[in-house]
Protein backbone atom coordinates (compact mmCIF):
# COMPACT_ATOMS: atom_id res chain seq x y z
CA MET A 1 154.80 67.44 124.51
CA ASN A 2 152.27 70.02 125.03
CA ALA A 3 153.98 72.92 127.39
CA MET A 4 151.07 75.23 127.39
CA PRO A 5 149.63 75.35 131.00
CA GLU A 6 145.78 74.06 131.02
CA THR A 7 142.86 75.97 132.71
CA LEU A 8 140.18 74.96 134.80
CA THR A 9 138.06 75.40 132.45
CA MET A 10 134.77 73.00 133.16
CA GLY A 11 132.58 73.10 130.26
CA PRO A 12 130.42 75.87 128.57
CA SER A 13 129.78 79.02 130.27
CA PRO A 14 126.38 79.56 131.42
CA THR A 15 125.19 82.71 129.60
CA PRO A 16 123.75 84.36 132.40
CA LEU A 17 127.32 85.03 133.79
CA VAL A 18 128.71 85.93 130.90
CA GLY A 19 130.63 89.26 130.84
CA ARG A 20 129.48 90.00 134.63
CA ARG A 21 131.58 92.01 136.99
CA VAL A 22 131.83 90.10 139.97
CA LEU A 23 134.12 91.63 143.11
CA VAL A 24 136.19 89.51 144.87
CA VAL A 25 136.91 90.16 148.80
CA GLU A 26 139.76 87.29 149.77
CA ASP A 27 142.76 87.14 151.43
CA GLU A 28 144.22 84.07 150.78
CA ALA A 29 146.00 84.26 148.05
CA LEU A 30 146.10 80.87 146.78
CA VAL A 31 142.11 80.78 147.53
CA SER A 32 141.62 83.75 145.59
CA MET A 33 143.63 83.21 142.69
CA LEU A 34 141.48 79.72 142.48
CA ILE A 35 137.99 81.85 142.36
CA GLU A 36 139.87 84.14 139.44
CA GLN A 37 140.02 81.17 137.18
CA MET A 38 136.63 80.02 137.87
CA LEU A 39 135.66 83.40 137.37
CA GLU A 40 137.20 84.37 134.58
CA ASP A 41 136.06 80.62 132.71
CA LEU A 42 132.57 81.58 133.14
CA GLY A 43 133.29 84.39 131.53
CA CYS A 44 132.81 86.35 134.13
CA PHE A 45 135.28 89.87 134.73
CA VAL A 46 137.37 90.29 137.73
CA VAL A 47 136.86 93.41 140.04
CA GLY A 48 139.64 93.29 142.30
CA PRO A 49 140.42 91.06 144.46
CA ALA A 50 140.36 92.87 147.78
CA THR A 51 142.07 91.22 150.29
CA THR A 52 140.81 93.99 153.38
CA ILE A 53 137.89 95.69 154.67
CA ALA A 54 139.29 99.10 153.01
CA GLY A 55 140.46 97.74 150.16
CA ALA A 56 136.92 96.41 149.36
CA LEU A 57 135.33 99.18 150.51
CA ALA A 58 137.73 101.56 147.50
CA LEU A 59 136.33 98.74 144.91
CA ALA A 60 132.51 99.05 145.94
CA GLY A 61 132.89 102.98 145.75
CA ASP A 62 134.94 103.75 143.20
CA GLY A 63 132.19 104.26 141.01
CA GLU A 64 133.24 101.07 138.85
CA ALA A 65 129.71 99.07 137.65
CA ILE A 66 130.25 95.72 139.57
CA ASP A 67 126.78 93.55 139.25
CA MET A 68 128.16 90.86 142.00
CA ALA A 69 130.30 90.07 144.77
CA LEU A 70 131.81 87.19 146.69
CA LEU A 71 132.61 87.67 149.85
CA ASP A 72 135.48 86.12 152.24
CA VAL A 73 133.76 86.32 155.72
CA ASN A 74 136.85 86.59 157.73
CA LEU A 75 139.68 88.65 156.75
CA SER A 76 142.97 88.59 158.35
CA GLY A 77 140.68 88.44 161.56
CA GLU A 78 138.42 91.26 160.24
CA ARG A 79 134.71 90.02 159.75
CA VAL A 80 133.84 91.53 155.83
CA PHE A 81 130.27 93.00 157.38
CA PRO A 82 131.12 96.67 156.42
CA VAL A 83 131.53 95.77 153.04
CA ALA A 84 128.36 93.50 152.36
CA GLU A 85 126.53 96.80 154.19
CA ALA A 86 128.26 98.58 151.42
CA LEU A 87 127.01 96.52 148.88
CA GLU A 88 123.15 96.43 149.98
CA ARG A 89 123.09 99.98 149.79
CA LEU A 90 124.26 99.94 146.32
CA GLY A 91 122.08 97.54 145.18
CA VAL A 92 124.63 94.46 144.34
CA PRO A 93 124.04 91.12 145.07
CA PHE A 94 126.85 88.87 147.07
CA ALA A 95 127.63 85.64 148.53
CA PHE A 96 129.32 84.82 151.49
CA SER A 97 132.76 82.61 151.38
CA THR A 98 133.44 80.85 154.53
CA GLY A 99 134.48 78.04 156.50
CA TYR A 100 131.79 77.60 158.95
CA GLY A 101 128.81 78.03 156.38
CA GLU A 102 125.53 79.78 156.72
CA GLY A 103 125.44 79.05 160.30
CA GLY A 104 128.19 80.80 160.92
CA LEU A 105 126.93 83.90 160.10
CA PRO A 106 125.20 86.13 162.37
CA GLU A 107 121.86 85.82 162.39
CA GLU A 108 121.17 89.04 160.14
CA TRP A 109 122.72 87.65 157.52
CA ARG A 110 121.63 83.94 157.10
CA GLY A 111 119.53 83.46 154.14
CA ARG A 112 122.11 84.99 151.76
CA PRO A 113 124.16 82.59 149.36
CA THR A 114 127.03 81.49 151.38
CA LEU A 115 130.00 79.27 149.40
CA GLN A 116 131.24 76.81 152.47
CA LYS A 117 134.61 76.10 151.98
CA PRO A 118 136.01 74.38 150.15
CA TYR A 119 133.90 74.87 147.35
CA SER A 120 133.66 73.14 143.72
CA PHE A 121 132.96 74.96 140.68
CA ASP A 122 129.48 73.86 140.51
CA ASP A 123 129.15 75.51 143.91
CA VAL A 124 130.29 78.95 142.44
CA ILE A 125 128.07 78.58 139.53
CA VAL A 126 124.85 77.86 141.90
CA ALA A 127 126.10 80.66 143.66
CA LEU A 128 126.74 83.34 141.06
CA GLY A 129 123.56 81.90 139.05
CA ALA A 130 121.40 82.88 142.17
CA LEU A 131 122.84 86.61 142.43
CA ALA A 132 122.59 86.58 138.65
CA SER A 133 118.64 85.82 139.41
CA ALA A 134 118.36 88.46 142.16
CA LYS A 135 119.79 91.11 139.94
CA ALA A 136 117.41 90.27 137.08
């Protein structure tokens, strides 16, 4: 019997994502761990995770390269939009993550890649692929 834990590997990594640095902004520990595992399985490097607006802004502004970001819309009752604005100024593409889907976003933020919770590994691949294409 093998006592080694299994990883969440779902197949070969899409090449455009390997080596990408992804900022994770998520306040729920279990969701954050799941996202981190998915990103690592895709060959990405995780920046963070940040669990607060202040933490996310600090990571975004510290000069460390960020290729893209996944932003939970609601961080313990605070809306993540100041982080989205900062990333937009820096030219970093991002996707929102929310239980309400794109319809739960203010009008000015609609049209961005949005992961509706609960989302799958394939949903993450599609969203990150869109972000990678936007960055290219």
